[in-house]
C-alpha atoms as a PDB file:
ATOM      1  CA  UNK A   1      -4.274 -29.659  15.302  1.00  0.00           C
ATOM      2  CA  UNK A   2      -3.684 -32.568  13.117  1.00  0.00           C
ATOM      3  CA  UNK A   3      -2.175 -30.414  10.242  1.00  0.00           C
ATOM      4  CA  UNK A   4       0.782 -28.360  12.760  1.00  0.00           C
ATOM      5  CA  UNK A   5       1.574 -32.200  13.756  1.00  0.00           C
ATOM      6  CA  UNK A   6       3.849 -32.413  10.510  1.00  0.00           C
ATOM      7  CA  UNK A   7       7.135 -30.277   9.901  1.00  0.00           C
ATOM      8  CA  UNK A   8       6.651 -30.022   6.584  1.00  0.00           C
ATOM      9  CA  UNK A   9       3.144 -28.445   7.154  1.00  0.00           C
ATOM     10  CA  UNK A  10       4.908 -25.924   9.969  1.00  0.00           C
ATOM     11  CA  UNK A  11       7.352 -25.297   7.418  1.00  0.00           C
ATOM     12  CA  UNK A  12       4.352 -24.312   4.751  1.00  0.00           C
ATOM     13  CA  UNK A  13       2.562 -22.394   7.080  1.00  0.00           C
ATOM     14  CA  UNK A  14       5.488 -20.224   8.587  1.00  0.00           C
ATOM     15  CA  UNK A  15       6.195 -19.470   4.654  1.00  0.00           C
ATOM     16  CA  UNK A  16       2.859 -18.961   3.759  1.00  0.00           C
ATOM     17  CA  UNK A  17       2.612 -16.653   6.393  1.00  0.00           C
ATOM     18  CA  UNK A  18       5.800 -14.732   5.374  1.00  0.00           C
ATOM     19  CA  UNK A  19       4.665 -14.493   1.652  1.00  0.00           C
ATOM     20  CA  UNK A  20       1.129 -13.641   2.804  1.00  0.00           C
ATOM     21  CA  UNK A  21       3.560 -10.365   4.603  1.00  0.00           C
ATOM     22  CA  UNK A  22       5.891  -9.572   2.265  1.00  0.00           C
ATOM     23  CA  UNK A  23       3.965  -9.907  -1.260  1.00  0.00           C
ATOM     24  CA  UNK A  24       1.333  -7.407  -1.374  1.00  0.00           C
ATOM     25  CA  UNK A  25       3.705  -5.210   0.825  1.00  0.00           C
ATOM     26  CA  UNK A  26       5.833  -5.017  -2.260  1.00  0.00           C
ATOM     27  CA  UNK A  27       2.761  -4.806  -4.655  1.00  0.00           C
ATOM     28  CA  UNK A  28       1.309  -1.462  -3.036  1.00  0.00           C
ATOM     29  CA  UNK A  29       4.410  -0.130  -4.579  1.00  0.00           C
ATOM     30  CA  UNK A  30       3.902  -1.360  -8.000  1.00  0.00           C
ATOM     31  CA  UNK A  31       0.387  -0.664  -8.150  1.00  0.00           C
ATOM     32  CA  UNK A  32       1.533   3.102  -7.123  1.00  0.00           C
ATOM     33  CA  UNK A  33       3.859   2.785 -10.397  1.00  0.00           C
ATOM     34  CA  UNK A  34       1.243   1.314 -12.693  1.00  0.00           C
ATOM     35  CA  UNK A  35       3.858  -1.974 -12.840  1.00  0.00           C
ATOM     36  CA  UNK A  36       1.457  -4.659 -12.135  1.00  0.00           C
ATOM     37  CA  UNK A  37       3.047  -6.885 -14.221  1.00  0.00           C
ATOM     38  CA  UNK A  38       6.566  -6.787 -13.256  1.00  0.00           C
ATOM     39  CA  UNK A  39       5.876  -9.428 -10.676  1.00  0.00           C
ATOM     40  CA  UNK A  40       4.934 -11.988 -13.584  1.00  0.00           C
ATOM     41  CA  UNK A  41       8.161 -10.685 -15.464  1.00  0.00           C
ATOM     42  CA  UNK A  42      10.603 -11.375 -12.629  1.00  0.00           C
ATOM     43  CA  UNK A  43       9.022 -14.861 -12.023  1.00  0.00           C
ATOM     44  CA  UNK A  44      10.226 -15.978 -15.694  1.00  0.00           C
ATOM     45  CA  UNK A  45      13.715 -14.556 -15.161  1.00  0.00           C
ATOM     46  CA  UNK A  46      14.473 -16.138 -11.558  1.00  0.00           C
ATOM     47  CA  UNK A  47      13.151 -19.744 -13.467  1.00  0.00           C
ATOM     48  CA  UNK A  48      16.899 -19.457 -15.083  1.00  0.00           C
ATOM     49  CA  UNK A  49      18.026 -19.363 -11.672  1.00  0.00           C
ATOM     50  CA  UNK A  50      15.967 -22.457 -10.544  1.00  0.00           C
ATOM     51  CA  UNK A  51      17.449 -24.294 -13.156  1.00  0.00           C
ATOM     52  CA  UNK A  52      21.263 -23.001 -12.910  1.00  0.00           C
ATOM     53  CA  UNK A  53      20.636 -24.427  -8.862  1.00  0.00           C
ATOM     54  CA  UNK A  54      19.770 -27.797  -9.987  1.00  0.00           C
ATOM     55  CA  UNK A  55      22.570 -27.344 -12.700  1.00  0.00           C
ATOM     56  CA  UNK A  56      25.687 -25.893 -10.137  1.00  0.00           C
ATOM     57  CA  UNK A  57      24.132 -28.295  -7.307  1.00  0.00           C
ATOM     58  CA  UNK A  58      23.852 -25.345  -5.025  1.00  0.00           C
ATOM     59  CA  UNK A  59      20.309 -23.968  -3.614  1.00  0.00           C
ATOM     60  CA  UNK A  60      17.800 -22.541  -6.226  1.00  0.00           C
ATOM     61  CA  UNK A  61      16.278 -20.253  -4.602  1.00  0.00           C
ATOM     62  CA  UNK A  62      19.916 -18.617  -3.537  1.00  0.00           C
ATOM     63  CA  UNK A  63      20.158 -18.734  -6.809  1.00  0.00           C
ATOM     64  CA  UNK A  64      16.468 -17.200  -8.169  1.00  0.00           C
ATOM     65  CA  UNK A  65      17.236 -15.061  -5.805  1.00  0.00           C
ATOM     66  CA  UNK A  66      20.483 -13.417  -7.555  1.00  0.00           C
ATOM     67  CA  UNK A  67      19.305 -14.371 -10.638  1.00  0.00           C
ATOM     68  CA  UNK A  68      16.151 -12.474 -10.269  1.00  0.00           C
ATOM     69  CA  UNK A  69      17.508  -8.947  -8.643  1.00  0.00           C
ATOM     70  CA  UNK A  70      20.152  -8.894 -11.737  1.00  0.00           C
ATOM     71  CA  UNK A  71      17.030  -9.840 -13.529  1.00  0.00           C
ATOM     72  CA  UNK A  72      15.040  -7.161 -11.865  1.00  0.00           C
ATOM     73  CA  UNK A  73      18.216  -4.720 -12.162  1.00  0.00           C
ATOM     74  CA  UNK A  74      18.317  -4.938 -15.955  1.00  0.00           C
ATOM     75  CA  UNK A  75      14.294  -4.445 -16.606  1.00  0.00           C
ATOM     76  CA  UNK A  76      14.786  -0.705 -14.848  1.00  0.00           C
ATOM     77  CA  UNK A  77      18.036  -0.211 -16.835  1.00  0.00           C
ATOM     78  CA  UNK A  78      15.509  -0.851 -19.918  1.00  0.00           C
ATOM     79  CA  UNK A  79      12.819   1.365 -18.816  1.00  0.00           C
ATOM     80  CA  UNK A  80      15.038   4.232 -18.382  1.00  0.00           C
ATOM     81  CA  UNK A  81      16.889   3.779 -21.588  1.00  0.00           C
ATOM     82  CA  UNK A  82      14.791   1.482 -23.553  1.00  0.00           C
ATOM     83  CA  UNK A  83      12.427   3.815 -24.586  1.00  0.00           C
ATOM     84  CA  UNK A  84      11.067   3.040 -28.172  1.00  0.00           C
ATOM     85  CA  UNK A  85      12.343  -0.364 -28.511  1.00  0.00           C
ATOM     86  CA  UNK A  86      11.881  -1.412 -24.273  1.00  0.00           C
ATOM     87  CA  UNK A  87       9.213  -3.710 -24.953  1.00  0.00           C
ATOM     88  CA  UNK A  88      10.981  -5.447 -27.203  1.00  0.00           C
ATOM     89  CA  UNK A  89      14.241  -5.629 -24.891  1.00  0.00           C
ATOM     90  CA  UNK A  90      11.415  -6.959 -21.884  1.00  0.00           C
ATOM     91  CA  UNK A  91      10.027  -9.573 -24.077  1.00  0.00           C
ATOM     92  CA  UNK A  92      13.376 -11.176 -24.935  1.00  0.00           C
ATOM     93  CA  UNK A  93      14.793 -10.895 -21.083  1.00  0.00           C
ATOM     94  CA  UNK A  94      11.736 -12.588 -20.351  1.00  0.00           C
ATOM     95  CA  UNK A  95      11.152 -15.066 -22.579  1.00  0.00           C
ATOM     96  CA  UNK A  96      14.709 -15.466 -22.523  1.00  0.00           C
ATOM     97  CA  UNK A  97      14.065 -16.871 -18.698  1.00  0.00           C
ATOM     98  CA  UNK A  98      11.681 -19.335 -18.964  1.00  0.00           C
ATOM     99  CA  UNK A  99      14.005 -20.633 -22.256  1.00  0.00           C
ATOM    100  CA  UNK A 100      16.972 -20.637 -19.785  1.00  0.00           C
ATOM    101  CA  UNK A 101      14.858 -22.047 -16.635  1.00  0.00           C
ATOM    102  CA  UNK A 102      13.377 -25.313 -18.853  1.00  0.00           C
ATOM    103  CA  UNK A 103      17.196 -25.605 -20.380  1.00  0.00           C
ATOM    104  CA  UNK A 104      18.894 -25.851 -17.285  1.00  0.00           C
ATOM    105  CA  UNK A 105      16.903 -27.949 -15.183  1.00  0.00           C
ATOM    106  CA  UNK A 106      17.078 -30.343 -18.483  1.00  0.00           C
ATOM    107  CA  UNK A 107      20.940 -30.267 -18.783  1.00  0.00           C
ATOM    108  CA  UNK A 108      21.196 -31.265 -14.885  1.00  0.00           C
ATOM    109  CA  UNK A 109      22.021 -34.603 -13.620  1.00  0.00           C
ATOM    110  CA  UNK A 110      18.891 -36.267 -12.919  1.00  0.00           C
ATOM    111  CA  UNK A 111      16.483 -33.002 -13.751  1.00  0.00           C
ATOM    112  CA  UNK A 112      13.491 -33.137 -15.457  1.00  0.00           C
ATOM    113  CA  UNK A 113      10.665 -30.512 -16.128  1.00  0.00           C
ATOM    114  CA  UNK A 114       8.585 -32.441 -13.158  1.00  0.00           C
ATOM    115  CA  UNK A 115      11.494 -30.578 -10.924  1.00  0.00           C
ATOM    116  CA  UNK A 116      10.612 -27.639 -12.217  1.00  0.00           C
ATOM    117  CA  UNK A 117       6.753 -27.828 -11.588  1.00  0.00           C
ATOM    118  CA  UNK A 118       6.917 -27.212  -7.602  1.00  0.00           C
ATOM    119  CA  UNK A 119       8.382 -23.984  -8.549  1.00  0.00           C
ATOM    120  CA  UNK A 120       6.426 -23.211 -11.333  1.00  0.00           C
ATOM    121  CA  UNK A 121       3.015 -23.234  -9.506  1.00  0.00           C
ATOM    122  CA  UNK A 122       4.172 -23.933  -5.910  1.00  0.00           C
ATOM    123  CA  UNK A 123       4.967 -27.577  -3.358  1.00  0.00           C
ATOM    124  CA  UNK A 124       4.519 -27.374   0.282  1.00  0.00           C
ATOM    125  CA  UNK A 125       5.660 -30.959   0.617  1.00  0.00           C
ATOM    126  CA  UNK A 126       8.752 -29.954  -0.414  1.00  0.00           C
ATOM    127  CA  UNK A 127       9.382 -26.947   1.236  1.00  0.00           C
ATOM    128  CA  UNK A 128      12.734 -27.341   3.084  1.00  0.00           C
ATOM    129  CA  UNK A 129      14.782 -26.224   6.396  1.00  0.00           C
ATOM    130  CA  UNK A 130      17.040 -24.692   4.299  1.00  0.00           C
ATOM    131  CA  UNK A 131      14.342 -23.148   2.223  1.00  0.00           C
ATOM    132  CA  UNK A 132      12.315 -21.874   5.317  1.00  0.00           C
ATOM    133  CA  UNK A 133      16.025 -20.402   6.640  1.00  0.00           C
ATOM    134  CA  UNK A 134      16.463 -18.156   2.985  1.00  0.00           C
ATOM    135  CA  UNK A 135      12.602 -17.523   3.090  1.00  0.00           C
ATOM    136  CA  UNK A 136      12.904 -15.930   6.720  1.00  0.00           C
ATOM    137  CA  UNK A 137      15.834 -14.228   5.932  1.00  0.00           C
ATOM    138  CA  UNK A 138      14.452 -12.683   2.398  1.00  0.00           C
ATOM    139  CA  UNK A 139      11.625 -11.804   4.188  1.00  0.00           C
ATOM    140  CA  UNK A 140      13.527  -9.998   6.832  1.00  0.00           C
ATOM    141  CA  UNK A 141      15.157  -8.247   4.347  1.00  0.00           C
ATOM    142  CA  UNK A 142      11.925  -7.075   2.332  1.00  0.00           C
ATOM    143  CA  UNK A 143       9.793  -5.839   5.597  1.00  0.00           C
ATOM    144  CA  UNK A 144      12.584  -3.417   6.343  1.00  0.00           C
ATOM    145  CA  UNK A 145      12.992  -1.913   3.286  1.00  0.00           C
ATOM    146  CA  UNK A 146       8.438  -1.667   2.227  1.00  0.00           C
ATOM    147  CA  UNK A 147       8.402  -0.491   5.533  1.00  0.00           C
ATOM    148  CA  UNK A 148      11.099   1.382   6.897  1.00  0.00           C
ATOM    149  CA  UNK A 149      11.497   3.705   3.678  1.00  0.00           C
ATOM    150  CA  UNK A 150       7.775   3.949   3.474  1.00  0.00           C
ATOM    151  CA  UNK A 151       7.695   7.712   2.764  1.00  0.00           C
ATOM    152  CA  UNK A 152      10.208   7.774   0.000  1.00  0.00           C
ATOM    153  CA  UNK A 153       9.357   4.228  -1.795  1.00  0.00           C
ATOM    154  CA  UNK A 154       5.608   6.157  -1.814  1.00  0.00           C
ATOM    155  CA  UNK A 155       7.016   9.569  -2.975  1.00  0.00           C
ATOM    156  CA  UNK A 156       8.360   8.335  -5.672  1.00  0.00           C
ATOM    157  CA  UNK A 157       5.849   5.607  -7.256  1.00  0.00           C
ATOM    158  CA  UNK A 158       3.110   8.400  -6.483  1.00  0.00           C
ATOM    159  CA  UNK A 159       5.571  10.885  -9.124  1.00  0.00           C
ATOM    160  CA  UNK A 160       9.167  10.562  -9.556  1.00  0.00           C
ATOM    161  CA  UNK A 161       9.321  14.384 -11.131  1.00  0.00           C
ATOM    162  CA  UNK A 162       8.196  15.679  -7.382  1.00  0.00           C
ATOM    163  CA  UNK A 163      10.509  13.338  -5.320  1.00  0.00           C
ATOM    164  CA  UNK A 164      13.398  14.129  -7.523  1.00  0.00           C
ATOM    165  CA  UNK A 165      13.029  17.850  -7.358  1.00  0.00           C
ATOM    166  CA  UNK A 166      12.037  17.151  -3.503  1.00  0.00           C
ATOM    167  CA  UNK A 167      16.135  15.851  -3.313  1.00  0.00           C
ATOM    168  CA  UNK A 168      15.079  12.036  -3.077  1.00  0.00           C
ATOM    169  CA  UNK A 169      17.554   9.764  -4.807  1.00  0.00           C
ATOM    170  CA  UNK A 170      14.611   8.862  -7.267  1.00  0.00           C
ATOM    171  CA  UNK A 171      16.899   5.939  -9.330  1.00  0.00           C
ATOM    172  CA  UNK A 172      18.561   4.431  -6.087  1.00  0.00           C
ATOM    173  CA  UNK A 173      14.769   4.225  -4.704  1.00  0.00           C
ATOM    174  CA  UNK A 174      13.709   2.603  -8.046  1.00  0.00           C
ATOM    175  CA  UNK A 175      16.403   0.075  -8.673  1.00  0.00           C
ATOM    176  CA  UNK A 176      15.596  -0.897  -4.326  1.00  0.00           C
ATOM    177  CA  UNK A 177      11.810  -1.442  -5.573  1.00  0.00           C
ATOM    178  CA  UNK A 178      12.780  -4.125  -8.293  1.00  0.00           C
ATOM    179  CA  UNK A 179      15.320  -5.737  -6.309  1.00  0.00           C
ATOM    180  CA  UNK A 180      12.848  -5.794  -3.450  1.00  0.00           C
ATOM    181  CA  UNK A 181      10.416  -7.393  -5.886  1.00  0.00           C
ATOM    182  CA  UNK A 182      12.983  -9.709  -7.128  1.00  0.00           C
ATOM    183  CA  UNK A 183      13.463 -10.845  -3.800  1.00  0.00           C
ATOM    184  CA  UNK A 184       9.870 -11.207  -2.756  1.00  0.00           C
ATOM    185  CA  UNK A 185       9.270 -13.374  -6.117  1.00  0.00           C
ATOM    186  CA  UNK A 186      12.008 -16.142  -4.737  1.00  0.00           C
ATOM    187  CA  UNK A 187      10.393 -16.143  -1.587  1.00  0.00           C
ATOM    188  CA  UNK A 188       6.859 -17.142  -2.995  1.00  0.00           C
ATOM    189  CA  UNK A 189       7.527 -19.029  -5.297  1.00  0.00           C
ATOM    190  CA  UNK A 190       7.887 -22.698  -3.191  1.00  0.00           C
ATOM    191  CA  UNK A 191       4.597 -21.804  -1.432  1.00  0.00           C
ATOM    192  CA  UNK A 192       2.384 -19.900  -4.664  1.00  0.00           C
ATOM    193  CA  UNK A 193       4.590 -20.739  -7.621  1.00  0.00           C
ATOM    194  CA  UNK A 194       6.738 -18.217  -9.923  1.00  0.00           C
ATOM    195  CA  UNK A 195       3.909 -18.193 -12.901  1.00  0.00           C
ATOM    196  CA  UNK A 196       1.315 -16.911 -10.316  1.00  0.00           C
ATOM    197  CA  UNK A 197       3.237 -14.777  -7.156  1.00  0.00           C
ATOM    198  CA  UNK A 198       2.455 -11.979  -9.329  1.00  0.00           C
ATOM    199  CA  UNK A 199      -1.315 -12.245  -7.822  1.00  0.00           C
ATOM    200  CA  UNK A 200      -0.565 -12.053  -4.774  1.00  0.00           C
ATOM    201  CA  UNK A 201       1.542  -8.941  -5.091  1.00  0.00           C
ATOM    202  CA  UNK A 202      -1.590  -7.039  -6.841  1.00  0.00           C
ATOM    203  CA  UNK A 203      -4.809  -8.504  -6.128  1.00  0.00           C
ATOM    204  CA  UNK A 204      -4.647  -8.074  -2.375  1.00  0.00           C
ATOM    205  CA  UNK A 205      -3.670  -4.342  -2.540  1.00  0.00           C
ATOM    206  CA  UNK A 206      -6.434  -3.883  -5.672  1.00  0.00           C
ATOM    207  CA  UNK A 207      -8.849  -5.574  -3.063  1.00  0.00           C
ATOM    208  CA  UNK A 208      -7.991  -3.434  -0.059  1.00  0.00           C
ATOM    209  CA  UNK A 209      -8.452  -0.273  -2.269  1.00  0.00           C
ATOM    210  CA  UNK A 210     -12.368  -1.063  -2.642  1.00  0.00           C
ATOM    211  CA  UNK A 211     -12.252  -0.496   1.774  1.00  0.00           C
ATOM    212  CA  UNK A 212     -10.069   2.318   1.632  1.00  0.00           C
ATOM    213  CA  UNK A 213      -7.793   4.922  -0.432  1.00  0.00           C
ATOM    214  CA  UNK A 214      -5.330   6.227   1.926  1.00  0.00           C
ATOM    215  CA  UNK A 215      -1.628   4.171   1.930  1.00  0.00           C
ATOM    216  CA  UNK A 216      -1.542   3.481   5.160  1.00  0.00           C
ATOM    217  CA  UNK A 217      -4.948   1.284   5.859  1.00  0.00           C
ATOM    218  CA  UNK A 218      -4.728   0.146   2.379  1.00  0.00           C
ATOM    219  CA  UNK A 219      -0.929  -1.020   3.674  1.00  0.00           C
ATOM    220  CA  UNK A 220      -2.779  -3.181   6.621  1.00  0.00           C
ATOM    221  CA  UNK A 221      -5.926  -4.216   4.821  1.00  0.00           C
ATOM    222  CA  UNK A 222      -3.626  -5.760   1.566  1.00  0.00           C
ATOM    223  CA  UNK A 223      -1.451  -7.649   4.329  1.00  0.00           C
ATOM    224  CA  UNK A 224      -4.076  -9.126   6.042  1.00  0.00           C
ATOM    225  CA  UNK A 225      -5.663 -10.053   3.077  1.00  0.00           C
ATOM    226  CA  UNK A 226      -2.869 -11.346   1.890  1.00  0.00           C
ATOM    227  CA  UNK A 227      -2.062 -13.549   5.053  1.00  0.00           C
ATOM    228  CA  UNK A 228      -5.611 -14.997   5.650  1.00  0.00           C
ATOM    229  CA  UNK A 229      -5.763 -16.403   1.817  1.00  0.00           C
ATOM    230  CA  UNK A 230      -2.434 -17.876   2.287  1.00  0.00           C
ATOM    231  CA  UNK A 231      -2.916 -19.318   5.471  1.00  0.00           C
ATOM    232  CA  UNK A 232      -6.375 -20.478   3.772  1.00  0.00           C
ATOM    233  CA  UNK A 233      -4.788 -21.635   0.527  1.00  0.00           C
ATOM    234  CA  UNK A 234      -2.006 -23.597   2.646  1.00  0.00           C
ATOM    235  CA  UNK A 235      -4.350 -25.409   4.784  1.00  0.00           C
ATOM    236  CA  UNK A 236      -7.067 -26.401   2.047  1.00  0.00           C
ATOM    237  CA  UNK A 237      -4.905 -27.754   0.363  1.00  0.00           C
ATOM    238  CA  UNK A 238      -3.541 -30.028   2.409  1.00  0.00           C
ATOM    239  CA  UNK A 239      -6.929 -31.053   3.672  1.00  0.00           C
ATOM    240  CA  UNK A 240      -8.279 -31.070  -0.041  1.00  0.00           C
ATOM    241  CA  UNK A 241      -5.328 -32.133  -1.708  1.00  0.00           C
ATOM    242  CA  UNK A 242      -5.247 -29.599  -4.236  1.00  0.00           C
ATOM    243  CA  UNK A 243      -2.297 -27.062  -5.631  1.00  0.00           C
ATOM    244  CA  UNK A 244      -1.534 -24.436  -2.784  1.00  0.00           C
ATOM    245  CA  UNK A 245      -0.742 -21.938  -5.430  1.00  0.00           C
ATOM    246  CA  UNK A 246      -3.246 -22.193  -7.838  1.00  0.00           C
ATOM    247  CA  UNK A 247      -6.209 -22.254  -4.277  1.00  0.00           C
ATOM    248  CA  UNK A 248      -3.787 -18.817  -3.075  1.00  0.00           C
ATOM    249  CA  UNK A 249      -4.644 -17.235  -6.290  1.00  0.00           C
ATOM    250  CA  UNK A 250      -8.011 -17.672  -6.635  1.00  0.00           C
ATOM    251  CA  UNK A 251      -9.341 -17.217  -2.347  1.00  0.00           C
ATOM    252  CA  UNK A 252      -7.359 -13.775  -3.082  1.00  0.00           C
ATOM    253  CA  UNK A 253      -9.504 -13.122  -6.358  1.00  0.00           C
ATOM    254  CA  UNK A 254     -12.874 -14.345  -4.472  1.00  0.00           C
ATOM    255  CA  UNK A 255     -11.695 -11.712  -1.942  1.00  0.00           C
ATOM    256  CA  UNK A 256     -11.436  -8.838  -4.299  1.00  0.00           C
ATOM    257  CA  UNK A 257     -14.725  -9.738  -6.139  1.00  0.00           C
ATOM    258  CA  UNK A 258     -16.476 -10.390  -2.086  1.00  0.00           C
ATOM    259  CA  UNK A 259     -14.851  -7.103  -1.602  1.00  0.00           C
ATOM    260  CA  UNK A 260     -15.926  -4.587  -5.011  1.00  0.00           C
ATOM    261  CA  UNK A 261     -19.848  -6.608  -4.297  1.00  0.00           C
ATOM    262  CA  UNK A 262     -19.849  -5.321  -0.559  1.00  0.00           C
ATOM    263  CA  UNK A 263     -18.390  -1.424  -1.303  1.00  0.00           C
ATOM    264  CA  UNK A 264     -20.038  -0.511  -4.549  1.00  0.00           C
ATOM    265  CA  UNK A 265     -22.965   0.410  -3.000  1.00  0.00           C
ATOM    266  CA  UNK A 266     -21.188   1.468   0.146  1.00  0.00           C
ATOM    267  CA  UNK A 267     -19.100   4.224  -2.732  1.00  0.00           C
ATOM    268  CA  UNK A 268     -22.332   4.886  -3.922  1.00  0.00           C
ATOM    269  CA  UNK A 269     -23.738   6.457  -0.377  1.00  0.00           C
ATOM    270  CA  UNK A 270     -21.242   8.464   0.007  1.00  0.00           C
ATOM    271  CA  UNK A 271     -21.358   9.732  -3.018  1.00  0.00           C
ATOM    272  CA  UNK A 272     -24.659  11.086  -2.717  1.00  0.00           C
ATOM    273  CA  UNK A 273     -23.892  12.057   1.216  1.00  0.00           C
ATOM    274  CA  UNK A 274     -21.025  14.063  -0.202  1.00  0.00           C
ATOM    275  CA  UNK A 275     -23.477  15.352  -3.216  1.00  0.00           C
ATOM    276  CA  UNK A 276     -26.191  16.221  -0.806  1.00  0.00           C
ATOM    277  CA  UNK A 277     -23.936  17.694   2.204  1.00  0.00           C
ATOM    278  CA  UNK A 278     -22.718  19.954  -1.102  1.00  0.00           C
ATOM    279  CA  UNK A 279     -26.035  21.261  -1.875  1.00  0.00           C
ATOM    280  CA  UNK A 280     -26.599  21.831   1.429  1.00  0.00           C
ATOM    281  CA  UNK A 281     -23.798  24.110   1.745  1.00  0.00           C
ATOM    282  CA  UNK A 282     -24.342  25.848  -1.278  1.00  0.00           C
ATOM    283  CA  UNK A 283     -27.968  26.866  -0.661  1.00  0.00           C
ATOM    284  CA  UNK A 284     -26.956  28.480   2.514  1.00  0.00           C
ATOM    285  CA  UNK A 285     -25.190  30.651   0.783  1.00  0.00           C
ATOM    286  CA  UNK A 286     -26.725  34.390  -1.043  1.00  0.00           C
ATOM    287  CA  UNK A 287     -26.314  33.985  -4.592  1.00  0.00           C
ATOM    288  CA  UNK A 288     -25.396  30.744  -4.616  1.00  0.00           C
ATOM    289  CA  UNK A 289     -28.012  29.206  -6.404  1.00  0.00           C
ATOM    290  CA  UNK A 290     -27.655  31.921  -8.845  1.00  0.00           C
ATOM    291  CA  UNK A 291     -23.930  30.684  -9.543  1.00  0.00           C
ATOM    292  CA  UNK A 292     -25.875  26.607  -9.191  1.00  0.00           C
ATOM    293  CA  UNK A 293     -27.567  28.179 -12.105  1.00  0.00           C
ATOM    294  CA  UNK A 294     -24.440  29.579 -14.611  1.00  0.00           C
ATOM    295  CA  UNK A 295     -22.579  26.015 -14.057  1.00  0.00           C
ATOM    296  CA  UNK A 296     -25.248  23.695 -15.042  1.00  0.00           C
ATOM    297  CA  UNK A 297     -25.917  26.033 -18.142  1.00  0.00           C
END
């Protein structure tokens, strides 16, 4: 394939695959915790890290990772202790992160908002070998956590009180989830962009849930969708000269809509089949009809 003849596209496709795996792998826990927009908030905070990277002449990816992790921990602490003022504190954290990124990158020598755009919306041609190395290491961490601790993370995401009663370290696992989400945001920012990464963390999971409710099946389908749309969006971006992040997100939403359309009649048929089987079982039990009539009344 012609696209594989270029080193920058090889790097972009490798990064796209890693993003396609890691974003839904973390997103499934965020969806269960009803924190679907957490990735968006972390992305705003990570902008400060990108700006600091330019200002201090260090790697923007690693600096964004460090700042995003700190921001994610602060967000989790606010969730624990913030109570009624927690939403205001989170808003200041998010907007402060955006403002800090813009300010620092403009203070950097030769820096401008144009340098920030590739991190905000993704860029294929700017994925460097150093970026790929960082993305590979960070993605390995995300996969180890999300797969190796899937039972514990799922238990905490479903019911914190029950998980605490069973002896799980709930706060430590919540912090680990937040940190993993922060790492995922920085993994994805070079391909999807900081402002769009949240969609890739959430929408593939929502699309997979149209077909199944089991955790393992949802996880596998969501990751498959994630890899498919990131590769498809990257290839489309190369041939059509369109923004990769926007293309990937629009493809993801398209998959969600398609699966929703396909799954709706199937869900109705299953519901009718279950109702019919339930009625048949009830009809075979002596006195069940009278009981049914009483329930209807």
